Amino acid sequence: MVPKLPVGTKIHHWSAVAFMLAVWRVSLAEYEVGQKLMMYGFWSTLAFPVNAFLALRVPMDKAKPAWFWALSLVSLVDYILVCFFNWGLHVVWIFNKLLHLR
């Protein structure tokens, strides 16, 4: 449906598949990085309104109903919150790891 899908989007999708295969391959009980990758994926799924908005904007290119603009606002707020918590938890984890290296 998107004839000129940006290269960055293609890289994002292929990376998501590669990470999914990596998570399936490792024992999450043994590898903390695998656990964090799984957590990243979980938080990313909470941004589903963003994906709905991005998918619907193409077929609704001409006439957008009123609810579409509400979806765009919900998507924006959702994306900001999900990114904040997702990245925030990972930053805290990284700092904890760095502080306990001594």
Protein backbone atom coordinates (compact mmCIF):
# COMPACT_ATOMS: atom_id res chain seq x y z
CA MET A 1 0.00 0.00 0.00
CA VAL A 2 2.99 2.30 0.46
CA PRO A 3 4.81 2.27 -2.87
CA LYS A 4 7.80 4.32 -1.69
CA LEU A 5 8.38 2.92 1.79
CA PRO A 6 11.39 4.75 3.26
CA VAL A 7 14.61 2.77 3.68
CA GLY A 8 14.61 3.60 7.40
CA THR A 9 11.21 1.95 7.80
CA LYS A 10 12.39 -1.15 5.94
CA ILE A 11 15.48 -1.34 8.18
CA HIS A 12 13.23 -0.97 11.24
CA HIS A 13 10.99 -3.85 10.13
CA TRP A 14 13.91 -6.16 9.28
CA SER A 15 15.58 -5.33 12.60
CA ALA A 16 12.39 -6.17 14.48
CA VAL A 17 12.28 -9.58 12.77
CA ALA A 18 15.97 -10.19 13.52
CA PHE A 19 15.51 -9.28 17.19
CA MET A 20 12.45 -11.51 17.41
CA LEU A 21 14.45 -14.44 16.04
CA ALA A 22 17.27 -13.66 18.50
CA VAL A 23 14.86 -13.66 21.45
CA TRP A 24 13.47 -17.02 20.33
CA ARG A 25 17.02 -18.36 20.18
CA VAL A 26 18.34 -17.40 23.63
CA SER A 27 17.38 -18.58 27.07
CA LEU A 28 15.78 -15.55 28.70
CA ALA A 29 16.51 -16.99 32.16
CA GLU A 30 20.26 -16.79 31.41
CA TYR A 31 20.66 -13.66 29.30
CA GLU A 32 19.64 -10.35 30.79
CA VAL A 33 20.05 -8.60 27.44
CA GLY A 34 17.43 -10.98 26.00
CA GLN A 35 15.12 -10.05 28.86
CA LYS A 36 15.59 -6.35 28.13
CA LEU A 37 14.98 -6.95 24.43
CA MET A 38 11.74 -8.71 25.34
CA MET A 39 10.80 -5.81 27.63
CA TYR A 40 11.53 -3.36 24.80
CA GLY A 41 9.21 -5.35 22.55
CA PHE A 42 6.48 -5.39 25.19
CA TRP A 43 6.59 -1.62 25.63
CA SER A 44 6.64 -1.16 21.86
CA THR A 45 3.37 -3.08 21.52
CA LEU A 46 1.71 -0.51 23.78
CA ALA A 47 2.21 2.02 21.00
CA PHE A 48 -0.35 0.23 18.77
CA PRO A 49 -2.42 3.43 18.29
CA VAL A 50 0.62 4.93 16.55
CA ASN A 51 0.76 2.00 14.14
CA ALA A 52 -2.99 2.28 13.52
CA PHE A 53 -2.62 5.98 12.78
CA LEU A 54 0.34 5.41 10.44
CA ALA A 55 -1.48 2.62 8.61
CA LEU A 56 -4.77 4.52 8.24
CA ARG A 57 -3.27 7.78 7.03
CA VAL A 58 -2.43 6.26 3.64
CA PRO A 59 -5.91 5.05 2.60
CA MET A 60 -7.49 8.13 4.20
CA ASP A 61 -5.24 10.52 2.33
CA LYS A 62 -8.05 12.73 1.01
CA ALA A 63 -10.98 12.90 3.43
CA LYS A 64 -10.15 12.23 7.05
CA PRO A 65 -13.07 11.77 9.49
CA ALA A 66 -13.16 13.67 12.79
CA TRP A 67 -12.14 10.61 14.82
CA PHE A 68 -8.92 10.39 12.81
CA TRP A 69 -7.66 13.63 14.34
CA ALA A 70 -8.49 12.30 17.82
CA LEU A 71 -6.51 9.16 16.96
CA SER A 72 -3.56 11.33 15.96
CA LEU A 73 -3.61 13.10 19.34
CA VAL A 74 -3.97 9.83 21.28
CA SER A 75 -1.12 8.39 19.21
CA LEU A 76 1.15 11.33 19.97
CA VAL A 77 0.55 11.17 23.74
CA ASP A 78 0.82 7.37 23.73
CA TYR A 79 4.09 7.43 21.78
CA ILE A 80 5.68 10.01 24.09
CA LEU A 81 4.70 8.06 27.22
CA VAL A 82 5.75 4.67 25.84
CA CYS A 83 9.12 6.00 24.65
CA PHE A 84 9.74 7.74 27.97
CA PHE A 85 9.07 4.62 30.05
CA ASN A 86 10.66 2.18 27.62
CA TRP A 87 13.88 4.11 27.19
CA GLY A 88 13.85 5.28 30.80
CA LEU A 89 13.80 1.72 32.15
CA HIS A 90 16.63 0.76 29.83
CA VAL A 91 18.72 3.79 30.83
CA VAL A 92 18.22 2.92 34.52
CA TRP A 93 19.27 -0.68 33.80
CA ILE A 94 22.40 0.45 31.93
CA PHE A 95 23.40 2.85 34.72
CA ASN A 96 22.85 0.10 37.31
CA LYS A 97 25.11 -2.19 35.30
CA LEU A 98 27.80 0.50 35.01
CA LEU A 99 27.66 1.34 38.72
CA HIS A 100 28.04 -2.30 39.74
CA LEU A 101 31.05 -3.00 37.52
CA ARG A 102 33.48 -2.04 40.27
